[in-house]
């Protein structure tokens, strides 16, 4: 493709420096004077034809950001909570009991009985019966029916409507606000301090020799082969005569894809080289020490405060409105109808019957009886007795106890991380470009013998 462009440029320079307008050369060909005269007749004027436009390809270099992944190491500190024993002293209050004797006078109540004689009259009731004859009249009822003719008036109701004008009062509500003073209690806090004793572990530093595994990071360089890139390559084209356009047309060569490998990339990585060395380590042991500190505590109290707030109230006004409504009323007309109905009536006849019945009556007689009954009475005597009771008293003692305290320390560790960065890389690609061959100005009035070669 590049050779075709150079050929066209050289041919234009040669035709320009020769100065012969009739001997125009095209891509290294001879002058048109050598063509036969018969070839010019059907072809027409070559200069009058349009300029030839062809498509060529141009290589463009672009910068592409390519992601690259690399691994790095960073130090992460983990917090470890461990239990540390501490010894403290606390006061324990023990409750003991001692026996104490005291004198108590207790009353002793005793119930005694004495015999009392008395005369009692008791009634004796006796139920007797006597025969009584009496006459009883029993009614005998009988229901009979008679036919009765009567005239019945039946009402016929009809509903009618009339227009009635009435005045209706409609309420109009309005919400207003008034200021009301009320008391609100606010909480005020005050910070006070009190002395509190606490135990502190005082560190004592000692040194000792310890074998420590350590090392160092060394940078190592290695090469990574470059990626394989596919590139489109076009073969050189040729010029062919197009009878439809009466000109030579450039036909590009075949395009094929060629795989090319990019140059290798030099990368660096860190390698850990371990080693054992003897170090002097400071060991810390803790001694307990009692100290005092000011511990704040908060005291809350409620203080009254007067605030003003808006209280809504509703006012109502009435508006009169005249409306017309349909008021129903009922008219009644009566129709007379004669009917016959059965009217029941009851007849009563009496029958007399003589019966005998027993009538109870009660007789009462009195009998005297002497009885003896127990009459209770209470006697009280006091006796003195000695009792023992438990009297509590409290003793204090100091108790040493060990409790665990949680302490936090940071432990470093190495964490590998993968990061991605964008690295610029140049990529070549081919793009199509349309080029047109310019017309020689000396060919404006060509010779009649100029013709297009076949």
Protein backbone atom coordinates (compact mmCIF):
# COMPACT_ATOMS: atom_id res chain seq x y z
CA UNK A 1 0.00 0.00 0.00
CA UNK A 2 2.87 2.40 0.80
CA UNK A 3 4.58 1.56 -2.55
CA UNK A 4 1.39 2.47 -4.46
CA UNK A 5 1.28 5.94 -2.91
CA UNK A 6 4.94 6.59 -3.79
CA UNK A 7 4.41 5.47 -7.39
CA UNK A 8 1.53 7.93 -7.83
CA UNK A 9 3.59 10.80 -6.33
CA UNK A 10 6.63 10.12 -8.59
CA UNK A 11 4.44 9.93 -11.69
CA UNK A 12 2.94 13.36 -10.93
CA UNK A 13 6.38 14.95 -10.51
CA UNK A 14 7.63 13.53 -13.83
CA UNK A 15 4.65 14.84 -15.78
CA UNK A 16 5.08 18.26 -14.21
CA UNK A 17 8.77 18.72 -15.07
CA UNK A 18 8.50 17.46 -18.68
CA UNK A 19 6.07 20.28 -19.62
CA UNK A 20 4.32 18.19 -22.29
CA UNK A 21 0.63 18.24 -21.59
CA UNK A 22 -0.17 15.56 -24.16
CA UNK A 23 2.37 13.08 -22.81
CA UNK A 24 0.78 12.45 -19.45
CA UNK A 25 2.13 9.36 -17.75
CA UNK A 26 0.02 7.25 -15.40
CA UNK A 27 1.73 4.97 -12.91
CA UNK A 28 4.91 4.65 -15.03
CA UNK A 29 3.12 4.10 -18.43
CA UNK A 30 4.26 5.75 -21.75
CA UNK A 31 2.69 8.77 -23.46
CA UNK A 32 -0.70 8.57 -25.11
CA UNK A 33 0.82 9.53 -28.55
CA UNK A 34 1.80 5.93 -29.06
CA UNK A 35 -1.84 4.84 -28.96
CA UNK A 36 -3.62 4.24 -32.34
CA UNK A 37 -5.96 6.95 -33.64
CA UNK A 38 -8.91 4.55 -33.83
CA UNK A 39 -8.80 4.12 -30.08
CA UNK A 40 -9.60 7.81 -29.51
CA UNK A 41 -12.86 7.92 -31.42
CA UNK A 42 -15.21 5.86 -29.21
CA UNK A 43 -13.50 6.70 -25.90
CA UNK A 44 -13.97 10.45 -25.85
CA UNK A 45 -11.86 12.94 -24.04
CA UNK A 46 -9.75 11.37 -21.21
CA UNK A 47 -9.03 14.71 -19.55
CA UNK A 48 -12.74 15.48 -19.31
CA UNK A 49 -13.22 12.37 -17.18
CA UNK A 50 -13.41 12.73 -13.44
CA UNK A 51 -10.38 12.33 -11.24
CA UNK A 52 -9.80 8.85 -9.86
CA UNK A 53 -10.47 8.44 -6.12
CA UNK A 54 -9.04 5.40 -4.37
CA UNK A 55 -9.08 4.06 -0.82
CA UNK A 56 -5.77 3.42 0.89
CA UNK A 57 -4.91 2.33 4.40
CA UNK A 58 -2.96 4.26 7.01
CA UNK A 59 -1.29 2.92 10.11
CA UNK A 60 -2.22 4.86 13.28
CA UNK A 61 -0.45 4.46 16.61
CA UNK A 62 -2.81 4.70 19.63
CA UNK A 63 -2.06 4.67 23.33
CA UNK A 64 -4.19 2.13 25.21
CA UNK A 65 -4.36 1.90 29.01
CA UNK A 66 -3.83 -1.74 29.88
CA UNK A 67 -4.62 -2.97 33.41
CA UNK A 68 -1.71 -4.64 35.21
CA UNK A 69 -2.10 -6.59 38.46
CA UNK A 70 0.65 -6.79 41.05
CA UNK A 71 0.88 -8.13 44.57
CA UNK A 72 2.17 -6.09 47.50
CA UNK A 73 2.43 -6.70 51.23
CA UNK A 74 1.23 -4.39 53.99
CA UNK A 75 1.35 -4.63 57.77
CA UNK A 76 -1.97 -5.03 59.61
CA UNK A 77 -2.22 -4.68 63.38
CA UNK A 78 -4.67 -7.02 65.12
CA UNK A 79 -5.96 -6.23 68.58
CA UNK A 80 -5.69 -9.19 70.95
CA UNK A 81 -7.53 -9.20 74.26
CA UNK A 82 -5.88 -11.25 76.99
CA UNK A 83 -6.80 -11.89 80.58
CA UNK A 84 -4.27 -10.64 83.17
CA UNK A 85 -4.68 -11.75 86.81
CA UNK A 86 -4.49 -9.07 89.52
CA UNK A 87 -4.70 -9.49 93.29
CA UNK A 88 -6.89 -7.16 95.30
CA UNK A 89 -8.17 -6.98 98.86
CA UNK A 90 -11.80 -6.46 99.81
CA UNK A 91 -13.58 -6.20 103.13
CA UNK A 92 -16.06 -8.94 104.00
CA UNK A 93 -18.68 -8.35 106.69
CA UNK A 94 -19.73 -11.46 108.63
CA UNK A 95 -22.84 -11.58 110.77
CA UNK A 96 -22.68 -13.61 114.01
CA UNK A 97 -25.25 -14.29 116.68
CA UNK A 98 -24.87 -14.51 120.47
CA UNK A 99 -27.34 -15.88 122.99
CA UNK A 100 -28.98 -13.40 125.36
CA UNK A 101 -31.24 -14.41 128.27
CA UNK A 102 -34.24 -12.35 129.38
CA UNK A 103 -37.17 -12.85 131.83
CA UNK A 104 -40.78 -12.94 130.64
CA UNK A 105 -44.03 -13.07 132.69
CA UNK A 106 -46.66 -14.95 130.78
CA UNK A 107 -50.30 -15.18 131.84
CA UNK A 108 -51.86 -18.61 132.10
CA UNK A 109 -55.59 -18.63 131.52
CA UNK A 110 -57.67 -21.59 132.72
CA UNK A 111 -61.34 -22.19 132.07
CA UNK A 112 -63.32 -23.78 134.93
CA UNK A 113 -66.95 -24.88 135.14
CA UNK A 114 -69.49 -24.83 138.02
CA UNK A 115 -72.83 -26.61 138.20
CA UNK A 116 -76.01 -24.46 138.30
CA UNK A 117 -79.52 -25.95 138.83
CA UNK A 118 -82.57 -24.33 137.19
CA UNK A 119 -86.22 -25.17 136.39
CA UNK A 120 -87.30 -25.05 132.77
CA UNK A 121 -90.87 -25.15 131.38
CA UNK A 122 -91.12 -26.96 128.08
CA UNK A 123 -94.19 -26.73 125.83
CA UNK A 124 -95.62 -29.98 124.42
CA UNK A 125 -97.48 -29.54 121.12
CA UNK A 126 -100.01 -32.09 119.79
CA UNK A 127 -101.72 -31.95 116.38
CA UNK A 128 -105.33 -33.25 116.15
CA UNK A 129 -107.80 -33.51 113.24
CA UNK A 130 -111.63 -33.12 113.04
CA UNK A 131 -114.01 -33.95 110.17
CA UNK A 132 -115.86 -31.01 108.56
CA UNK A 133 -118.62 -31.43 105.92
CA UNK A 134 -119.09 -28.64 103.36
CA UNK A 135 -120.86 -28.06 100.07
CA UNK A 136 -118.82 -27.04 97.03
CA UNK A 137 -120.19 -25.52 93.79
CA UNK A 138 -118.25 -26.38 90.71
CA UNK A 139 -118.68 -24.34 87.49
CA UNK A 140 -119.11 -26.10 84.10
CA UNK A 141 -118.04 -23.91 81.18
CA UNK A 142 -119.13 -24.45 77.54
CA UNK A 143 -118.06 -22.42 74.48
CA UNK A 144 -120.70 -21.68 71.77
CA UNK A 145 -120.55 -19.64 68.53
CA UNK A 146 -123.08 -17.31 66.84
CA UNK A 147 -123.01 -15.60 63.44
CA UNK A 148 -122.68 -11.82 63.55
CA UNK A 149 -122.90 -9.53 60.51
CA UNK A 150 -120.84 -6.38 60.72
CA UNK A 151 -119.71 -3.59 58.46
CA UNK A 152 -115.99 -3.07 58.23
CA UNK A 153 -114.36 0.15 56.99
CA UNK A 154 -111.03 -0.38 55.30
CA UNK A 155 -108.66 2.56 54.94
CA UNK A 156 -106.99 3.37 51.58
CA UNK A 157 -103.78 5.34 52.07
CA UNK A 158 -102.23 7.59 49.40
CA UNK A 159 -98.87 9.40 49.75
CA UNK A 160 -98.63 12.97 48.35
CA UNK A 161 -95.85 15.59 48.46
CA UNK A 162 -95.95 19.36 49.01
CA UNK A 163 -93.18 21.97 48.79
CA UNK A 164 -92.18 23.44 52.15
CA UNK A 165 -89.74 26.33 52.51
CA UNK A 166 -87.66 26.23 55.65
CA UNK A 167 -84.68 28.07 57.01
CA UNK A 168 -81.63 26.02 57.90
CA UNK A 169 -78.83 27.26 60.13
CA UNK A 170 -75.41 26.00 59.15
CA UNK A 171 -72.50 26.20 61.59
CA UNK A 172 -69.20 27.81 60.51
CA UNK A 173 -66.31 26.67 62.67
CA UNK A 174 -63.14 28.74 63.12
CA UNK A 175 -60.03 27.65 65.00
CA UNK A 176 -58.31 30.32 67.14
CA UNK A 177 -55.36 30.13 69.49
CA UNK A 178 -54.77 31.64 72.92
CA UNK A 179 -51.63 31.78 75.01
CA UNK A 180 -51.61 29.54 78.07
CA UNK A 181 -48.86 29.58 80.68
CA UNK A 182 -47.89 26.19 82.07
CA UNK A 183 -45.12 24.88 84.26
CA UNK A 184 -42.63 22.43 82.78
CA UNK A 185 -40.08 20.56 84.79
CA UNK A 186 -36.57 20.58 83.37
CA UNK A 187 -33.84 18.23 84.42
CA UNK A 188 -30.53 19.86 85.42
CA UNK A 189 -27.45 17.77 85.91
CA UNK A 190 -24.47 18.54 88.11
CA UNK A 191 -21.19 16.70 88.08
CA UNK A 192 -19.62 15.89 91.46
CA UNK A 193 -16.48 13.99 92.29
CA UNK A 194 -15.62 11.38 94.89
CA UNK A 195 -12.34 9.72 95.87
CA UNK A 196 -12.03 6.09 94.77
CA UNK A 197 -9.16 3.78 95.61
CA UNK A 198 -7.93 1.50 92.86
CA UNK A 199 -5.03 -0.85 92.35
CA UNK A 200 -2.45 -0.15 89.63
CA UNK A 201 0.10 -2.62 88.36
CA UNK A 202 3.47 -0.86 88.23
CA UNK A 203 5.73 -2.25 85.49
CA UNK A 204 9.23 -3.47 86.37
CA UNK A 205 11.46 -3.92 83.30
CA UNK A 206 13.99 -6.77 83.08
CA UNK A 207 16.25 -7.71 80.15
CA UNK A 208 17.00 -11.17 78.79
CA UNK A 209 18.50 -12.73 75.64
CA UNK A 210 16.03 -14.30 73.20
CA UNK A 211 16.53 -16.10 69.87
CA UNK A 212 14.34 -14.20 67.36
CA UNK A 213 13.46 -15.36 63.86
CA UNK A 214 13.68 -12.33 61.60
CA UNK A 215 14.60 -11.56 58.05
CA UNK A 216 14.59 -8.93 55.38
CA UNK A 217 12.90 -8.24 52.09
CA UNK A 218 15.02 -8.37 48.95
CA UNK A 219 13.94 -7.05 45.57
CA UNK A 220 14.10 -9.57 42.72
CA UNK A 221 13.72 -8.70 39.04
CA UNK A 222 12.05 -11.02 36.55
CA UNK A 223 10.70 -10.68 33.02
CA UNK A 224 7.15 -11.39 31.91
CA UNK A 225 6.71 -12.15 28.18
CA UNK A 226 4.59 -9.59 26.36
CA UNK A 227 1.08 -10.40 25.15
CA UNK A 228 0.37 -11.55 21.60
CA UNK A 229 -1.37 -8.88 19.48
CA UNK A 230 -3.21 -9.53 16.22
CA UNK A 231 -2.46 -6.97 13.50
CA UNK A 232 -4.10 -6.57 10.10
CA UNK A 233 -1.59 -6.43 7.20
CA UNK A 234 -2.61 -5.59 3.61
CA UNK A 235 -0.71 -6.79 0.52
CA UNK A 236 0.24 -4.22 -2.23
CA UNK A 237 -2.62 -3.47 -4.61
CA UNK A 238 -2.79 -3.33 -8.42
CA UNK A 239 -4.32 -0.96 -11.00
CA UNK A 240 -6.92 -2.45 -13.38
CA UNK A 241 -8.87 -0.90 -16.23
CA UNK A 242 -12.58 -0.32 -15.52
CA UNK A 243 -14.52 -0.07 -18.86
CA UNK A 244 -17.59 1.33 -17.09
CA UNK A 245 -15.75 4.30 -15.62
CA UNK A 246 -13.19 4.52 -18.49
CA UNK A 247 -10.31 4.77 -16.06
CA UNK A 248 -7.83 2.65 -14.17
CA UNK A 249 -9.09 1.62 -10.76
CA UNK A 250 -6.78 0.73 -7.92
CA UNK A 251 -7.64 -2.55 -6.30
CA UNK A 252 -6.08 -3.06 -2.87
CA UNK A 253 -4.36 -6.28 -1.98
CA UNK A 254 -5.68 -8.94 0.34
CA UNK A 255 -5.77 -8.24 4.05
CA UNK A 256 -4.55 -10.87 6.47
CA UNK A 257 -4.19 -11.00 10.23
CA UNK A 258 -0.68 -11.43 11.61
CA UNK A 259 -0.01 -12.32 15.27
CA UNK A 260 2.86 -10.38 16.82
CA UNK A 261 4.22 -10.65 20.32
CA UNK A 262 4.87 -7.50 22.29
CA UNK A 263 8.25 -7.00 23.98
CA UNK A 264 8.67 -8.50 27.48
CA UNK A 265 7.94 -6.49 30.62
CA UNK A 266 10.43 -6.32 33.47
CA UNK A 267 8.71 -6.69 36.90
CA UNK A 268 10.04 -6.50 40.44
CA UNK A 269 8.95 -8.58 43.40
CA UNK A 270 10.00 -8.74 47.02
CA UNK A 271 11.36 -11.98 48.47
CA UNK A 272 11.51 -12.59 52.25
CA UNK A 273 14.92 -13.91 53.41
CA UNK A 274 14.61 -15.32 56.96
CA UNK A 275 17.43 -15.35 59.52
CA UNK A 276 17.85 -16.06 63.24
CA UNK A 277 19.45 -13.44 65.47
CA UNK A 278 19.97 -13.03 69.17
CA UNK A 279 18.22 -10.02 70.67
CA UNK A 280 17.97 -8.45 74.06
CA UNK A 281 14.28 -8.41 75.02
CA UNK A 282 12.84 -6.29 77.78
CA UNK A 283 10.40 -8.26 79.95
CA UNK A 284 7.95 -6.41 82.11
CA UNK A 285 6.43 -7.67 85.32
CA UNK A 286 3.85 -5.77 87.28
CA UNK A 287 3.77 -4.80 90.94
CA UNK A 288 0.54 -3.68 92.54
CA UNK A 289 0.16 -0.18 93.91
CA UNK A 290 -2.93 1.41 95.50
CA UNK A 291 -3.83 4.86 94.20
CA UNK A 292 -6.66 7.31 94.56
CA UNK A 293 -8.52 9.09 91.79
CA UNK A 294 -11.40 11.48 91.41
CA UNK A 295 -14.42 9.69 89.93
CA UNK A 296 -17.14 11.96 88.56
CA UNK A 297 -20.79 11.20 89.18
CA UNK A 298 -23.83 13.09 88.00
CA UNK A 299 -26.57 14.46 90.24
CA UNK A 300 -29.90 15.24 88.58
CA UNK A 301 -32.56 17.58 89.91
CA UNK A 302 -35.79 18.83 88.41
CA UNK A 303 -36.35 22.59 88.15
CA UNK A 304 -39.75 24.12 87.34
CA UNK A 305 -39.90 26.39 84.31
CA UNK A 306 -42.83 28.43 83.01
CA UNK A 307 -43.49 28.22 79.29
CA UNK A 308 -46.19 29.69 77.11
CA UNK A 309 -47.87 27.53 74.54
CA UNK A 310 -50.61 28.04 71.99
CA UNK A 311 -53.87 26.29 72.90
CA UNK A 312 -56.39 25.98 70.05
CA UNK A 313 -60.09 26.62 70.60
CA UNK A 314 -62.94 26.57 68.11
CA UNK A 315 -65.52 29.31 67.60
CA UNK A 316 -68.82 28.62 65.89
CA UNK A 317 -71.00 31.08 63.96
CA UNK A 318 -74.32 30.26 62.37
CA UNK A 319 -75.45 31.22 58.89
CA UNK A 320 -79.10 31.03 57.82
CA UNK A 321 -80.08 29.48 54.51
CA UNK A 322 -83.54 28.99 53.00
CA UNK A 323 -84.13 25.66 51.32
CA UNK A 324 -87.17 24.01 49.72
CA UNK A 325 -87.84 20.39 50.43
CA UNK A 326 -90.54 17.90 49.54
CA UNK A 327 -92.64 16.96 52.59
CA UNK A 328 -94.66 13.76 52.21
CA UNK A 329 -98.20 13.56 53.61
CA UNK A 330 -100.66 10.71 53.52
CA UNK A 331 -104.35 10.92 52.59
CA UNK A 332 -106.79 8.29 53.79
CA UNK A 333 -110.14 7.27 52.29
CA UNK A 334 -112.47 4.70 53.83
CA UNK A 335 -114.40 1.91 52.03
CA UNK A 336 -117.27 0.03 53.73
CA UNK A 337 -117.52 -3.78 53.52
CA UNK A 338 -120.03 -6.17 55.18
CA UNK A 339 -118.59 -9.41 56.60
CA UNK A 340 -119.95 -12.30 58.70
CA UNK A 341 -117.87 -13.69 61.52
CA UNK A 342 -118.24 -16.28 64.22
CA UNK A 343 -118.41 -14.72 67.69
CA UNK A 344 -117.65 -17.14 70.54
CA UNK A 345 -119.53 -16.95 73.85
CA UNK A 346 -119.22 -19.05 76.99
CA UNK A 347 -122.09 -20.54 79.01
CA UNK A 348 -121.63 -21.50 82.66
CA UNK A 349 -123.67 -23.99 84.77
CA UNK A 350 -123.08 -24.78 88.46
CA UNK A 351 -123.16 -28.21 90.17
CA UNK A 352 -123.23 -28.69 93.96
CA UNK A 353 -121.20 -31.42 95.67
CA UNK A 354 -120.87 -32.31 99.41
CA UNK A 355 -117.32 -33.18 100.53
CA UNK A 356 -115.72 -34.09 103.92
CA UNK A 357 -112.25 -32.82 104.77
CA UNK A 358 -109.99 -33.09 107.79
CA UNK A 359 -109.16 -29.80 109.52
CA UNK A 360 -105.98 -29.87 111.71
CA UNK A 361 -105.77 -28.09 115.04
CA UNK A 362 -102.89 -27.93 117.61
CA UNK A 363 -103.10 -28.37 121.40
CA UNK A 364 -100.33 -27.15 123.78
CA UNK A 365 -99.47 -28.39 127.32
CA UNK A 366 -96.62 -27.28 129.58
CA UNK A 367 -94.24 -29.54 131.58
CA UNK A 368 -91.74 -28.38 134.27
CA UNK A 369 -88.23 -29.89 134.28
CA UNK A 370 -85.20 -29.28 136.52
CA UNK A 371 -81.85 -29.27 134.69
CA UNK A 372 -78.21 -28.78 135.70
CA UNK A 373 -75.92 -26.85 133.37
CA UNK A 374 -72.20 -26.05 133.34
CA UNK A 375 -71.40 -22.35 133.67
CA UNK A 376 -67.81 -21.53 132.52
CA UNK A 377 -65.55 -19.04 134.26
CA UNK A 378 -61.86 -18.12 133.61
CA UNK A 379 -58.99 -17.93 136.12
CA UNK A 380 -55.66 -16.15 135.36
CA UNK A 381 -52.26 -16.88 136.93
CA UNK A 382 -48.86 -15.43 136.00
CA UNK A 383 -45.64 -17.39 135.78
CA UNK A 384 -42.09 -16.15 135.20
CA UNK A 385 -39.88 -17.94 132.66
CA UNK A 386 -36.41 -17.33 131.26
CA UNK A 387 -36.05 -17.18 127.49
CA UNK A 388 -33.04 -17.00 125.16
CA UNK A 389 -32.88 -14.91 122.00
CA UNK A 390 -30.27 -14.51 119.23
CA UNK A 391 -28.67 -11.04 119.08
CA UNK A 392 -26.80 -10.34 115.78
CA UNK A 393 -23.47 -8.56 115.62
CA UNK A 394 -21.13 -7.88 112.63
CA UNK A 395 -17.39 -8.51 112.27
CA UNK A 396 -15.11 -7.32 109.46
CA UNK A 397 -12.26 -9.24 107.83
CA UNK A 398 -9.99 -8.67 104.83
CA UNK A 399 -10.08 -11.20 101.99
CA UNK A 400 -7.46 -11.39 99.24
CA UNK A 401 -8.84 -12.42 95.86
CA UNK A 402 -7.50 -12.67 92.35
CA UNK A 403 -9.54 -11.40 89.46
CA UNK A 404 -8.90 -11.31 85.75
CA UNK A 405 -8.57 -7.98 83.91
CA UNK A 406 -8.86 -7.79 80.13
CA UNK A 407 -6.00 -5.93 78.45
CA UNK A 408 -5.64 -5.18 74.75
CA UNK A 409 -2.39 -5.27 72.75
CA UNK A 410 -1.61 -4.94 69.04
CA UNK A 411 0.06 -7.78 67.12
CA UNK A 412 1.44 -7.03 63.64
CA UNK A 413 0.94 -9.39 60.70
CA UNK A 414 1.66 -9.24 56.98
CA UNK A 415 -1.25 -9.23 54.54
CA UNK A 416 -0.80 -9.76 50.80
CA UNK A 417 -2.90 -7.49 48.63
CA UNK A 418 -3.51 -7.54 44.91
CA UNK A 419 -3.70 -4.13 43.23
CA UNK A 420 -4.49 -3.22 39.65
CA UNK A 421 -2.90 -0.24 37.86
CA UNK A 422 -3.36 1.01 34.31
CA UNK A 423 -0.14 0.98 32.22
CA UNK A 424 -0.08 2.83 28.88
CA UNK A 425 0.73 0.71 25.84
CA UNK A 426 1.00 1.72 22.18
CA UNK A 427 -1.08 -0.25 19.67
CA UNK A 428 -0.82 0.03 15.89
CA UNK A 429 -3.94 -0.32 13.79
CA UNK A 430 -4.81 0.33 10.15
CA UNK A 431 -7.56 2.74 9.16
CA UNK A 432 -8.93 3.34 5.59
CA UNK A 433 -8.17 6.77 3.99
CA UNK A 434 -9.75 7.95 0.68
CA UNK A 435 -7.31 9.75 -1.71
CA UNK A 436 -8.11 11.41 -5.09
CA UNK A 437 -5.66 11.83 -7.99
CA UNK A 438 -5.50 15.49 -9.15
CA UNK A 439 -6.13 16.43 -12.84
CA UNK A 440 -3.16 17.92 -14.74
CA UNK A 441 -4.04 21.48 -15.81
CA UNK A 442 -2.11 21.04 -19.09
CA UNK A 443 -4.66 18.46 -20.25
CA UNK A 444 -7.46 21.02 -20.65
CA UNK A 445 -7.09 21.04 -24.47
CA UNK A 446 -5.82 17.59 -25.35
CA UNK A 447 -4.78 16.54 -28.80
CA UNK A 448 -7.33 14.61 -30.84
CA UNK A 449 -4.99 11.65 -30.87
CA UNK A 450 -5.16 11.27 -27.01
CA UNK A 451 -7.04 8.21 -26.07
CA UNK A 452 -7.28 5.92 -23.16
CA UNK A 453 -5.16 2.78 -23.60
CA UNK A 454 -7.10 -0.44 -23.77
